[in-house]
N, C-alpha and C. Protein backbone atom coordinates (compact mmCIF):
# COMPACT_ATOMS: atom_id res chain seq x y z
N MET A 1 0.84 -1.20 0.00
CA MET A 1 0.00 0.00 0.00
C MET A 1 0.87 1.25 0.00
N GLU A 2 0.49 2.26 -0.81
CA GLU A 2 1.26 3.49 -0.84
C GLU A 2 1.16 4.20 0.51
N THR A 3 2.26 4.79 0.91
CA THR A 3 2.28 5.50 2.19
C THR A 3 2.98 6.84 2.03
N ILE A 4 2.28 7.89 2.38
CA ILE A 4 2.88 9.22 2.39
C ILE A 4 3.49 9.43 3.77
N LYS A 5 4.79 9.63 3.80
CA LYS A 5 5.49 9.90 5.05
C LYS A 5 5.75 11.40 5.09
N LEU A 6 4.92 12.06 5.86
CA LEU A 6 4.77 13.51 5.74
C LEU A 6 5.51 14.32 6.80
N CYS A 7 6.05 15.45 6.35
CA CYS A 7 6.60 16.46 7.25
C CYS A 7 5.81 17.75 7.01
N ILE A 8 5.36 18.38 8.08
CA ILE A 8 4.63 19.64 7.99
C ILE A 8 5.47 20.74 8.61
N ILE A 9 5.75 21.78 7.83
CA ILE A 9 6.48 22.94 8.36
C ILE A 9 5.56 24.14 8.25
N GLU A 10 4.97 24.51 9.37
CA GLU A 10 3.94 25.55 9.44
C GLU A 10 3.98 26.19 10.82
N ASP A 11 4.00 27.52 10.86
CA ASP A 11 4.14 28.19 12.15
C ASP A 11 2.81 28.56 12.80
N ASP A 12 1.73 28.59 12.03
CA ASP A 12 0.43 28.93 12.60
C ASP A 12 -0.12 27.71 13.35
N PRO A 13 -0.26 27.78 14.68
CA PRO A 13 -0.67 26.60 15.46
C PRO A 13 -2.05 26.08 15.08
N ILE A 14 -2.94 26.97 14.68
CA ILE A 14 -4.30 26.53 14.31
C ILE A 14 -4.26 25.74 13.01
N ILE A 15 -3.54 26.26 12.02
CA ILE A 15 -3.42 25.56 10.74
C ILE A 15 -2.65 24.26 10.93
N GLN A 16 -1.59 24.32 11.72
CA GLN A 16 -0.78 23.14 12.00
C GLN A 16 -1.63 22.03 12.61
N GLU A 17 -2.45 22.40 13.59
CA GLU A 17 -3.30 21.42 14.26
C GLU A 17 -4.37 20.87 13.33
N SER A 18 -4.95 21.75 12.50
CA SER A 18 -5.98 21.31 11.54
C SER A 18 -5.41 20.29 10.56
N LEU A 19 -4.23 20.58 10.04
CA LEU A 19 -3.59 19.66 9.10
C LEU A 19 -3.28 18.32 9.77
N GLU A 20 -2.73 18.40 10.98
CA GLU A 20 -2.36 17.18 11.69
C GLU A 20 -3.59 16.31 11.96
N LYS A 21 -4.64 16.91 12.48
CA LYS A 21 -5.84 16.13 12.83
C LYS A 21 -6.51 15.55 11.60
N TYR A 22 -6.49 16.29 10.51
CA TYR A 22 -7.16 15.81 9.30
C TYR A 22 -6.37 14.67 8.66
N PHE A 23 -5.06 14.82 8.58
CA PHE A 23 -4.24 13.81 7.89
C PHE A 23 -4.03 12.54 8.71
N GLU A 24 -3.96 12.68 10.03
CA GLU A 24 -3.59 11.53 10.84
C GLU A 24 -4.64 10.42 10.83
N ILE A 25 -5.87 10.74 10.42
CA ILE A 25 -6.89 9.69 10.39
C ILE A 25 -6.86 8.90 9.08
N HIS A 26 -6.05 9.37 8.11
CA HIS A 26 -5.96 8.64 6.85
C HIS A 26 -4.91 7.52 6.99
N PRO A 27 -5.28 6.29 6.68
CA PRO A 27 -4.36 5.16 6.89
C PRO A 27 -3.10 5.21 6.02
N ALA A 28 -3.15 5.96 4.92
CA ALA A 28 -1.99 6.00 4.03
C ALA A 28 -1.09 7.20 4.26
N ILE A 29 -1.41 8.00 5.29
CA ILE A 29 -0.57 9.16 5.61
C ILE A 29 0.02 8.99 7.00
N GLN A 30 1.32 9.03 7.07
CA GLN A 30 2.02 8.96 8.35
C GLN A 30 2.76 10.27 8.57
N ILE A 31 2.37 11.01 9.60
CA ILE A 31 3.05 12.27 9.90
C ILE A 31 4.32 11.96 10.69
N GLN A 32 5.45 12.22 10.07
CA GLN A 32 6.75 11.89 10.67
C GLN A 32 7.33 13.03 11.50
N LEU A 33 7.04 14.26 11.08
CA LEU A 33 7.67 15.40 11.76
C LEU A 33 6.83 16.65 11.52
N ILE A 34 6.66 17.43 12.59
CA ILE A 34 5.99 18.73 12.49
C ILE A 34 6.93 19.79 13.06
N ALA A 35 7.14 20.86 12.30
CA ALA A 35 8.04 21.92 12.74
C ALA A 35 7.38 23.28 12.52
N GLY A 36 7.76 24.24 13.34
CA GLY A 36 7.20 25.58 13.25
C GLY A 36 8.02 26.54 12.42
N SER A 37 9.18 26.07 11.96
CA SER A 37 10.07 26.89 11.13
C SER A 37 11.06 25.97 10.44
N VAL A 38 11.78 26.52 9.45
CA VAL A 38 12.81 25.73 8.78
C VAL A 38 13.91 25.38 9.78
N GLU A 39 14.25 26.36 10.63
CA GLU A 39 15.30 26.10 11.63
C GLU A 39 14.88 24.98 12.59
N ASP A 40 13.61 25.00 12.97
CA ASP A 40 13.08 23.96 13.85
C ASP A 40 13.16 22.59 13.15
N PHE A 41 12.82 22.57 11.88
CA PHE A 41 12.92 21.33 11.10
C PHE A 41 14.36 20.82 11.07
N LEU A 42 15.31 21.72 10.77
CA LEU A 42 16.71 21.32 10.66
C LEU A 42 17.24 20.78 11.99
N GLU A 43 16.80 21.42 13.08
CA GLU A 43 17.22 20.97 14.41
C GLU A 43 16.67 19.58 14.72
N LYS A 44 15.40 19.38 14.45
CA LYS A 44 14.79 18.07 14.70
C LYS A 44 15.36 17.01 13.76
N ALA A 45 15.65 17.41 12.53
CA ALA A 45 16.22 16.47 11.56
C ALA A 45 17.61 16.03 11.99
N ALA A 46 18.37 16.96 12.57
CA ALA A 46 19.73 16.64 13.02
C ALA A 46 19.70 15.66 14.19
N GLU A 47 18.63 15.72 14.98
CA GLU A 47 18.52 14.83 16.14
C GLU A 47 18.02 13.44 15.76
N SER A 48 17.48 13.33 14.55
CA SER A 48 16.92 12.05 14.12
C SER A 48 18.01 11.17 13.51
N ILE A 49 18.00 9.90 13.88
CA ILE A 49 18.99 8.96 13.35
C ILE A 49 18.75 8.74 11.85
N SER A 50 17.49 8.57 11.48
CA SER A 50 17.16 8.41 10.05
C SER A 50 15.84 9.12 9.76
N LEU A 51 15.85 9.95 8.75
CA LEU A 51 14.63 10.67 8.37
C LEU A 51 13.88 9.86 7.32
N ASP A 52 12.70 9.41 7.66
CA ASP A 52 11.90 8.64 6.71
C ASP A 52 10.73 9.50 6.25
N ILE A 53 11.05 10.45 5.37
CA ILE A 53 10.06 11.42 4.89
C ILE A 53 10.11 11.45 3.37
N ASN A 54 8.95 11.37 2.73
CA ASN A 54 8.94 11.46 1.26
C ASN A 54 8.14 12.65 0.73
N LEU A 55 7.53 13.41 1.64
CA LEU A 55 6.78 14.58 1.20
C LEU A 55 6.79 15.65 2.30
N VAL A 56 7.06 16.88 1.89
CA VAL A 56 7.11 18.00 2.84
C VAL A 56 6.06 19.03 2.43
N LEU A 57 5.23 19.39 3.39
CA LEU A 57 4.24 20.46 3.20
C LEU A 57 4.83 21.70 3.85
N LEU A 58 5.15 22.71 3.05
CA LEU A 58 5.97 23.83 3.52
C LEU A 58 5.29 25.18 3.32
N ASP A 59 5.24 25.95 4.39
CA ASP A 59 4.73 27.33 4.33
C ASP A 59 5.85 28.25 3.84
N ILE A 60 5.49 29.43 3.32
CA ILE A 60 6.50 30.41 2.92
C ILE A 60 6.76 31.40 4.05
N GLY A 61 5.69 31.98 4.59
CA GLY A 61 5.84 33.03 5.61
C GLY A 61 6.13 32.47 6.98
N LEU A 62 7.36 32.05 7.18
CA LEU A 62 7.77 31.44 8.45
C LEU A 62 8.65 32.39 9.25
N PRO A 63 8.69 32.24 10.56
CA PRO A 63 9.63 33.04 11.35
C PRO A 63 11.06 32.62 11.02
N GLY A 64 11.97 33.58 11.04
CA GLY A 64 13.34 33.24 10.67
C GLY A 64 13.46 33.08 9.17
N MET A 65 14.04 31.97 8.75
CA MET A 65 14.22 31.68 7.34
C MET A 65 12.87 31.45 6.66
N SER A 66 12.68 32.06 5.51
CA SER A 66 11.41 31.85 4.79
C SER A 66 11.37 30.46 4.18
N GLY A 67 10.18 30.04 3.82
CA GLY A 67 10.04 28.75 3.17
C GLY A 67 10.80 28.69 1.86
N LEU A 68 10.82 29.82 1.12
CA LEU A 68 11.54 29.86 -0.15
C LEU A 68 13.04 29.62 0.07
N GLU A 69 13.58 30.29 1.08
CA GLU A 69 15.00 30.08 1.40
C GLU A 69 15.24 28.66 1.90
N GLY A 70 14.25 28.13 2.60
CA GLY A 70 14.42 26.82 3.23
C GLY A 70 14.40 25.64 2.28
N ILE A 71 13.85 25.82 1.07
CA ILE A 71 13.76 24.70 0.14
C ILE A 71 15.12 24.05 -0.10
N ARG A 72 16.14 24.89 -0.29
CA ARG A 72 17.48 24.36 -0.56
C ARG A 72 17.98 23.51 0.61
N HIS A 73 17.77 23.98 1.84
CA HIS A 73 18.23 23.25 3.02
C HIS A 73 17.45 21.94 3.21
N ILE A 74 16.15 22.01 2.93
CA ILE A 74 15.34 20.81 3.06
C ILE A 74 15.76 19.77 2.02
N LYS A 75 16.05 20.23 0.81
CA LYS A 75 16.48 19.33 -0.24
C LYS A 75 17.82 18.66 0.09
N GLN A 76 18.67 19.39 0.81
CA GLN A 76 19.95 18.80 1.21
C GLN A 76 19.74 17.66 2.20
N LYS A 77 18.76 17.84 3.08
CA LYS A 77 18.45 16.81 4.08
C LYS A 77 17.61 15.68 3.48
N LEU A 78 16.69 16.05 2.58
CA LEU A 78 15.75 15.08 2.01
C LEU A 78 15.76 15.20 0.49
N PRO A 79 16.83 14.76 -0.16
CA PRO A 79 16.96 14.96 -1.61
C PRO A 79 15.86 14.27 -2.44
N GLU A 80 15.28 13.22 -1.92
CA GLU A 80 14.26 12.48 -2.68
C GLU A 80 12.84 12.93 -2.35
N ALA A 81 12.69 13.77 -1.36
CA ALA A 81 11.34 14.17 -0.93
C ALA A 81 10.75 15.22 -1.86
N ASP A 82 9.45 15.13 -2.08
CA ASP A 82 8.73 16.15 -2.83
C ASP A 82 8.35 17.28 -1.87
N ILE A 83 8.45 18.52 -2.35
CA ILE A 83 8.09 19.67 -1.52
C ILE A 83 6.87 20.35 -2.12
N VAL A 84 5.83 20.48 -1.30
CA VAL A 84 4.60 21.14 -1.70
C VAL A 84 4.46 22.41 -0.88
N MET A 85 4.36 23.54 -1.56
CA MET A 85 4.19 24.81 -0.87
C MET A 85 2.72 24.99 -0.52
N LEU A 86 2.44 25.34 0.73
CA LEU A 86 1.07 25.64 1.18
C LEU A 86 1.14 27.03 1.80
N THR A 87 0.58 28.03 1.13
CA THR A 87 0.86 29.39 1.55
C THR A 87 -0.25 30.37 1.17
N THR A 88 -0.23 31.51 1.84
CA THR A 88 -1.16 32.59 1.50
C THR A 88 -0.58 33.47 0.39
N PHE A 89 0.72 33.33 0.11
CA PHE A 89 1.37 34.17 -0.89
C PHE A 89 1.12 33.63 -2.29
N GLU A 90 0.38 34.40 -3.11
CA GLU A 90 0.04 33.93 -4.45
C GLU A 90 0.63 34.83 -5.54
N GLU A 91 1.64 35.63 -5.18
CA GLU A 91 2.26 36.50 -6.17
C GLU A 91 3.08 35.66 -7.15
N ASP A 92 3.12 36.11 -8.41
CA ASP A 92 3.85 35.37 -9.44
C ASP A 92 5.29 35.10 -9.04
N LYS A 93 5.93 36.12 -8.45
CA LYS A 93 7.35 35.99 -8.09
C LYS A 93 7.56 34.83 -7.12
N ASN A 94 6.72 34.74 -6.08
CA ASN A 94 6.85 33.66 -5.11
C ASN A 94 6.60 32.30 -5.74
N ILE A 95 5.60 32.22 -6.61
CA ILE A 95 5.28 30.96 -7.26
C ILE A 95 6.48 30.45 -8.06
N PHE A 96 7.03 31.30 -8.91
CA PHE A 96 8.12 30.86 -9.78
C PHE A 96 9.42 30.65 -9.01
N ASN A 97 9.66 31.45 -7.98
CA ASN A 97 10.85 31.23 -7.16
C ASN A 97 10.79 29.87 -6.47
N ALA A 98 9.60 29.51 -5.97
CA ALA A 98 9.43 28.22 -5.28
C ALA A 98 9.63 27.07 -6.25
N LEU A 99 9.04 27.16 -7.43
CA LEU A 99 9.14 26.08 -8.41
C LEU A 99 10.58 25.96 -8.92
N CYS A 100 11.23 27.10 -9.13
CA CYS A 100 12.63 27.07 -9.59
C CYS A 100 13.56 26.52 -8.53
N ALA A 101 13.21 26.72 -7.25
CA ALA A 101 14.07 26.25 -6.16
C ALA A 101 13.92 24.76 -5.91
N GLY A 102 12.85 24.16 -6.44
CA GLY A 102 12.72 22.71 -6.27
C GLY A 102 11.38 22.22 -5.77
N ALA A 103 10.45 23.14 -5.46
CA ALA A 103 9.11 22.70 -5.06
C ALA A 103 8.40 22.16 -6.31
N CYS A 104 7.54 21.15 -6.11
CA CYS A 104 6.87 20.56 -7.27
C CYS A 104 5.40 20.98 -7.36
N SER A 105 4.88 21.58 -6.30
CA SER A 105 3.48 22.00 -6.28
C SER A 105 3.33 23.25 -5.43
N TYR A 106 2.25 23.99 -5.68
CA TYR A 106 2.04 25.26 -4.99
C TYR A 106 0.54 25.39 -4.72
N ILE A 107 0.17 25.38 -3.45
CA ILE A 107 -1.24 25.35 -3.07
C ILE A 107 -1.58 26.55 -2.18
N SER A 108 -2.70 27.18 -2.47
CA SER A 108 -3.18 28.28 -1.65
C SER A 108 -3.78 27.75 -0.35
N LYS A 109 -3.59 28.49 0.72
CA LYS A 109 -4.18 28.10 2.01
C LYS A 109 -5.71 28.23 2.01
N ARG A 110 -6.23 28.83 0.96
CA ARG A 110 -7.68 28.91 0.84
C ARG A 110 -8.27 27.58 0.35
N THR A 111 -7.38 26.66 -0.03
CA THR A 111 -7.81 25.34 -0.51
C THR A 111 -8.34 24.51 0.66
N SER A 112 -9.38 23.75 0.41
CA SER A 112 -9.97 22.92 1.46
C SER A 112 -9.01 21.80 1.87
N LEU A 113 -9.17 21.30 3.10
CA LEU A 113 -8.33 20.21 3.59
C LEU A 113 -8.46 18.97 2.70
N MET A 114 -9.66 18.72 2.22
CA MET A 114 -9.88 17.57 1.35
C MET A 114 -9.07 17.69 0.07
N LYS A 115 -9.05 18.90 -0.51
CA LYS A 115 -8.29 19.13 -1.73
C LYS A 115 -6.78 19.08 -1.48
N ILE A 116 -6.36 19.58 -0.32
CA ILE A 116 -4.93 19.52 0.02
C ILE A 116 -4.51 18.05 0.13
N GLN A 117 -5.34 17.25 0.78
CA GLN A 117 -5.04 15.82 0.91
C GLN A 117 -4.99 15.16 -0.48
N GLU A 118 -5.92 15.53 -1.32
CA GLU A 118 -5.93 15.00 -2.69
C GLU A 118 -4.64 15.38 -3.40
N ALA A 119 -4.19 16.62 -3.18
CA ALA A 119 -2.95 17.09 -3.81
C ALA A 119 -1.75 16.28 -3.36
N LEU A 120 -1.72 15.91 -2.09
CA LEU A 120 -0.59 15.12 -1.57
C LEU A 120 -0.48 13.79 -2.30
N PHE A 121 -1.62 13.16 -2.56
CA PHE A 121 -1.59 11.88 -3.26
C PHE A 121 -1.23 12.04 -4.73
N VAL A 122 -1.67 13.13 -5.34
CA VAL A 122 -1.29 13.40 -6.73
C VAL A 122 0.23 13.53 -6.82
N VAL A 123 0.81 14.30 -5.89
CA VAL A 123 2.26 14.51 -5.87
C VAL A 123 2.99 13.21 -5.57
N HIS A 124 2.50 12.46 -4.58
CA HIS A 124 3.15 11.20 -4.19
C HIS A 124 3.18 10.20 -5.35
N ARG A 125 2.17 10.29 -6.22
CA ARG A 125 2.10 9.37 -7.36
C ARG A 125 2.86 9.89 -8.58
N GLY A 126 3.61 10.97 -8.37
CA GLY A 126 4.47 11.47 -9.44
C GLY A 126 3.95 12.65 -10.20
N GLY A 127 2.80 13.18 -9.79
CA GLY A 127 2.23 14.33 -10.47
C GLY A 127 2.59 15.65 -9.80
N SER A 128 1.93 16.69 -10.25
CA SER A 128 2.11 18.01 -9.66
C SER A 128 0.73 18.61 -9.49
N TYR A 129 0.55 19.42 -8.45
CA TYR A 129 -0.77 19.97 -8.18
C TYR A 129 -0.65 21.47 -7.93
N MET A 130 -1.51 22.22 -8.58
CA MET A 130 -1.57 23.65 -8.36
C MET A 130 -3.02 24.04 -8.06
N SER A 131 -3.22 24.92 -7.10
CA SER A 131 -4.56 25.45 -6.88
C SER A 131 -5.01 26.11 -8.18
N PRO A 132 -6.31 26.09 -8.49
CA PRO A 132 -6.78 26.68 -9.75
C PRO A 132 -6.29 28.11 -9.97
N SER A 133 -6.32 28.93 -8.92
CA SER A 133 -5.87 30.33 -9.08
C SER A 133 -4.38 30.39 -9.41
N ILE A 134 -3.60 29.48 -8.83
CA ILE A 134 -2.16 29.43 -9.09
C ILE A 134 -1.92 28.92 -10.52
N ALA A 135 -2.63 27.87 -10.90
CA ALA A 135 -2.47 27.30 -12.24
C ALA A 135 -2.78 28.35 -13.31
N ARG A 136 -3.79 29.18 -13.04
CA ARG A 136 -4.16 30.23 -13.99
C ARG A 136 -3.03 31.24 -14.15
N LYS A 137 -2.41 31.61 -13.03
CA LYS A 137 -1.29 32.56 -13.08
C LYS A 137 -0.15 31.99 -13.91
N ILE A 138 0.14 30.70 -13.71
CA ILE A 138 1.23 30.05 -14.44
C ILE A 138 0.90 29.99 -15.93
N ALA A 139 -0.33 29.61 -16.25
CA ALA A 139 -0.75 29.53 -17.65
C ALA A 139 -0.67 30.91 -18.31
N LYS A 140 -1.13 31.93 -17.58
CA LYS A 140 -1.12 33.29 -18.12
C LYS A 140 0.30 33.76 -18.38
N HIS A 141 1.22 33.36 -17.49
CA HIS A 141 2.62 33.76 -17.63
C HIS A 141 3.21 33.25 -18.94
N PHE A 142 2.81 32.03 -19.34
CA PHE A 142 3.40 31.42 -20.53
C PHE A 142 2.58 31.65 -21.80
N MET A 143 1.44 32.34 -21.68
CA MET A 143 0.67 32.67 -22.87
C MET A 143 1.43 33.68 -23.73
N PRO A 144 1.33 33.54 -25.06
CA PRO A 144 1.96 34.56 -25.92
C PRO A 144 1.41 35.93 -25.59
N LYS A 145 2.29 36.89 -25.47
CA LYS A 145 1.87 38.26 -25.17
C LYS A 145 1.37 38.92 -26.45
N VAL A 146 0.09 39.22 -26.48
CA VAL A 146 -0.51 39.85 -27.66
C VAL A 146 -0.39 41.37 -27.52
N LYS A 147 0.31 41.94 -28.45
CA LYS A 147 0.47 43.40 -28.42
C LYS A 147 -0.65 44.08 -29.19
N LYS A 148 -1.14 45.16 -28.64
CA LYS A 148 -2.09 45.97 -29.39
C LYS A 148 -1.32 46.71 -30.48
N LYS A 149 -2.02 47.03 -31.54
CA LYS A 149 -1.35 47.77 -32.62
C LYS A 149 -0.76 49.07 -32.10
N GLU A 150 -1.47 49.69 -31.15
CA GLU A 150 -1.02 50.97 -30.63
C GLU A 150 0.33 50.85 -29.92
N ASP A 151 0.61 49.64 -29.40
CA ASP A 151 1.87 49.45 -28.70
C ASP A 151 3.04 49.36 -29.66
N LEU A 152 2.76 49.23 -30.95
CA LEU A 152 3.82 49.04 -31.93
C LEU A 152 4.42 50.36 -32.41
N LEU A 153 3.86 51.48 -31.97
CA LEU A 153 4.45 52.77 -32.35
C LEU A 153 5.80 52.95 -31.69
N THR A 154 6.75 53.46 -32.45
CA THR A 154 8.07 53.72 -31.89
C THR A 154 8.00 54.98 -31.03
N PRO A 155 8.98 55.19 -30.16
CA PRO A 155 8.99 56.43 -29.36
C PRO A 155 8.90 57.68 -30.23
N ARG A 156 9.62 57.67 -31.37
CA ARG A 156 9.58 58.84 -32.28
C ARG A 156 8.19 59.03 -32.86
N GLN A 157 7.55 57.93 -33.24
CA GLN A 157 6.20 58.02 -33.78
C GLN A 157 5.21 58.53 -32.73
N SER A 158 5.41 58.14 -31.51
CA SER A 158 4.56 58.62 -30.42
C SER A 158 4.73 60.13 -30.23
N GLN A 159 5.98 60.61 -30.38
CA GLN A 159 6.24 62.05 -30.28
C GLN A 159 5.52 62.80 -31.40
N ILE A 160 5.51 62.20 -32.59
CA ILE A 160 4.85 62.85 -33.72
C ILE A 160 3.35 62.89 -33.51
N VAL A 161 2.79 61.80 -32.96
CA VAL A 161 1.36 61.78 -32.65
C VAL A 161 1.04 62.87 -31.63
N ASP A 162 1.90 63.03 -30.63
CA ASP A 162 1.70 64.10 -29.63
C ASP A 162 1.66 65.46 -30.31
N GLY A 163 2.53 65.64 -31.31
CA GLY A 163 2.56 66.90 -32.04
C GLY A 163 1.27 67.13 -32.81
N LEU A 164 0.74 66.07 -33.41
CA LEU A 164 -0.52 66.19 -34.13
C LEU A 164 -1.65 66.58 -33.19
N VAL A 165 -1.67 65.98 -32.01
CA VAL A 165 -2.70 66.28 -31.02
C VAL A 165 -2.61 67.73 -30.57
N GLU A 166 -1.38 68.25 -30.50
CA GLU A 166 -1.18 69.64 -30.10
C GLU A 166 -1.59 70.61 -31.20
N GLY A 167 -1.88 70.07 -32.38
CA GLY A 167 -2.29 70.92 -33.49
C GLY A 167 -1.14 71.46 -34.31
N LEU A 168 0.04 70.88 -34.15
CA LEU A 168 1.21 71.37 -34.88
C LEU A 168 1.19 70.89 -36.32
N SER A 169 1.72 71.70 -37.20
CA SER A 169 1.87 71.31 -38.60
C SER A 169 3.05 70.36 -38.72
N TYR A 170 3.16 69.71 -39.89
CA TYR A 170 4.30 68.81 -40.10
C TYR A 170 5.62 69.56 -39.95
N LYS A 171 5.65 70.81 -40.45
CA LYS A 171 6.89 71.60 -40.36
C LYS A 171 7.24 71.91 -38.92
N LEU A 172 6.24 72.29 -38.11
CA LEU A 172 6.51 72.61 -36.71
C LEU A 172 6.93 71.37 -35.92
N ILE A 173 6.34 70.23 -36.26
CA ILE A 173 6.75 68.96 -35.61
C ILE A 173 8.20 68.66 -35.97
N ALA A 174 8.54 68.87 -37.28
CA ALA A 174 9.92 68.62 -37.72
C ALA A 174 10.89 69.53 -36.97
N ASP A 175 10.55 70.82 -36.85
CA ASP A 175 11.42 71.76 -36.14
C ASP A 175 11.55 71.38 -34.67
N LYS A 176 10.44 71.00 -34.04
CA LYS A 176 10.45 70.65 -32.63
C LYS A 176 11.32 69.43 -32.35
N LEU A 177 11.28 68.46 -33.28
CA LEU A 177 12.03 67.22 -33.07
C LEU A 177 13.39 67.21 -33.76
N SER A 178 13.70 68.34 -34.42
CA SER A 178 14.99 68.47 -35.13
C SER A 178 15.17 67.38 -36.18
N ILE A 179 14.12 67.15 -36.95
CA ILE A 179 14.19 66.20 -38.05
C ILE A 179 13.61 66.88 -39.29
N SER A 180 13.79 66.29 -40.46
CA SER A 180 13.28 66.90 -41.69
C SER A 180 11.78 66.67 -41.83
N ILE A 181 11.16 67.51 -42.62
CA ILE A 181 9.72 67.37 -42.83
C ILE A 181 9.42 66.07 -43.59
N ASP A 182 10.36 65.66 -44.46
CA ASP A 182 10.19 64.39 -45.18
C ASP A 182 10.19 63.21 -44.21
N THR A 183 11.03 63.31 -43.18
CA THR A 183 11.06 62.25 -42.16
C THR A 183 9.74 62.19 -41.41
N VAL A 184 9.19 63.36 -41.12
CA VAL A 184 7.88 63.41 -40.45
C VAL A 184 6.83 62.74 -41.32
N ARG A 185 6.83 63.08 -42.62
CA ARG A 185 5.85 62.49 -43.53
C ARG A 185 6.00 60.96 -43.59
N ASP A 186 7.24 60.51 -43.60
CA ASP A 186 7.50 59.06 -43.66
C ASP A 186 6.95 58.37 -42.41
N HIS A 187 7.17 59.02 -41.25
CA HIS A 187 6.64 58.45 -40.00
C HIS A 187 5.11 58.45 -40.00
N ILE A 188 4.53 59.51 -40.52
CA ILE A 188 3.06 59.61 -40.57
C ILE A 188 2.48 58.44 -41.38
N LYS A 189 3.11 58.14 -42.53
CA LYS A 189 2.65 57.02 -43.36
C LYS A 189 2.71 55.70 -42.58
N ARG A 190 3.82 55.52 -41.84
CA ARG A 190 3.98 54.29 -41.06
C ARG A 190 2.95 54.20 -39.93
N ILE A 191 2.66 55.37 -39.32
CA ILE A 191 1.66 55.42 -38.24
C ILE A 191 0.29 55.02 -38.78
N TYR A 192 -0.07 55.59 -39.95
CA TYR A 192 -1.36 55.25 -40.57
C TYR A 192 -1.45 53.74 -40.82
N ARG A 193 -0.36 53.18 -41.36
CA ARG A 193 -0.34 51.75 -41.70
C ARG A 193 -0.46 50.89 -40.45
N THR A 194 0.26 51.26 -39.39
CA THR A 194 0.25 50.48 -38.16
C THR A 194 -1.12 50.52 -37.48
N LEU A 195 -1.71 51.73 -37.45
CA LEU A 195 -2.99 51.90 -36.76
C LEU A 195 -4.20 51.61 -37.66
N GLU A 196 -3.90 51.33 -38.94
CA GLU A 196 -4.96 51.04 -39.91
C GLU A 196 -5.96 52.20 -39.98
N VAL A 197 -5.41 53.39 -40.13
CA VAL A 197 -6.24 54.59 -40.30
C VAL A 197 -5.83 55.29 -41.59
N ASN A 198 -6.62 56.27 -41.98
CA ASN A 198 -6.35 56.95 -43.26
C ASN A 198 -6.23 58.46 -43.14
N SER A 199 -6.31 58.97 -41.91
CA SER A 199 -6.26 60.43 -41.78
C SER A 199 -5.66 60.84 -40.45
N LYS A 200 -5.18 62.09 -40.45
CA LYS A 200 -4.64 62.68 -39.22
C LYS A 200 -5.72 62.75 -38.15
N ALA A 201 -6.95 63.04 -38.57
CA ALA A 201 -8.05 63.16 -37.61
C ALA A 201 -8.29 61.84 -36.86
N GLU A 202 -8.15 60.71 -37.57
CA GLU A 202 -8.35 59.41 -36.93
C GLU A 202 -7.25 59.12 -35.91
N VAL A 203 -6.04 59.53 -36.24
CA VAL A 203 -4.92 59.35 -35.30
C VAL A 203 -5.18 60.15 -34.04
N ILE A 204 -5.58 61.41 -34.22
CA ILE A 204 -5.85 62.30 -33.08
C ILE A 204 -6.99 61.74 -32.23
N ARG A 205 -8.03 61.23 -32.92
CA ARG A 205 -9.17 60.68 -32.17
C ARG A 205 -8.75 59.49 -31.33
N LYS A 206 -7.93 58.59 -31.89
CA LYS A 206 -7.46 57.44 -31.13
C LYS A 206 -6.65 57.89 -29.91
N SER A 207 -5.83 58.89 -30.10
CA SER A 207 -5.02 59.38 -29.00
C SER A 207 -5.88 59.99 -27.89
N LEU A 208 -6.85 60.81 -28.29
CA LEU A 208 -7.72 61.46 -27.30
C LEU A 208 -8.63 60.46 -26.59
N ASN A 209 -8.94 59.33 -27.25
CA ASN A 209 -9.77 58.30 -26.64
C ASN A 209 -8.98 57.38 -25.72
N GLY A 210 -7.67 57.63 -25.62
CA GLY A 210 -6.84 56.79 -24.74
C GLY A 210 -6.45 55.48 -25.37
N ASP A 211 -6.55 55.37 -26.70
CA ASP A 211 -6.21 54.11 -27.37
C ASP A 211 -4.73 54.04 -27.76
N LEU A 212 -3.99 55.08 -27.47
CA LEU A 212 -2.55 55.08 -27.79
C LEU A 212 -1.73 55.17 -26.53
């Protein structure tokens, strides 16, 4: 029978107790160690003759060393163990830092105990589990970035559009930017093509509408 040999590193006593009470009644989960910080884990691990742990449930916001910093130390002690982050921190930076450091899953503390338990078994069987909100952030990060046409204007073209909005003539724009009037005309043609418009008035309207 598969057995999850679990370590919980969590400093909130209420959350710690909830996790312990919920998991300990499952016959396939054996809680091997509970620590309130990474330092506490390392101290208890040093006192243990042999650590029989294959999965670590790790918080990020811990006293002393953060969970993100602690991943490396935990991996040194338990190189074969899977690390699952259980945290309130859902910022992209924390998610990717944790995954890059060696965590295989990232779960929000808003996740139900039943779903967290389900995640442990998914990870133990070789998979990875992300809370839906976390998975969406990861998917969004890797989606191709679609640029609006308006974003394709060069800085110089944007300056010329500003001049048009100010009501300046091509000659005055050229003088203001220290470029030739032919260069201004060339940029205007490119602006029309990029924005798919046919007149100066349309360019000005897009700018005034906040579309540029």
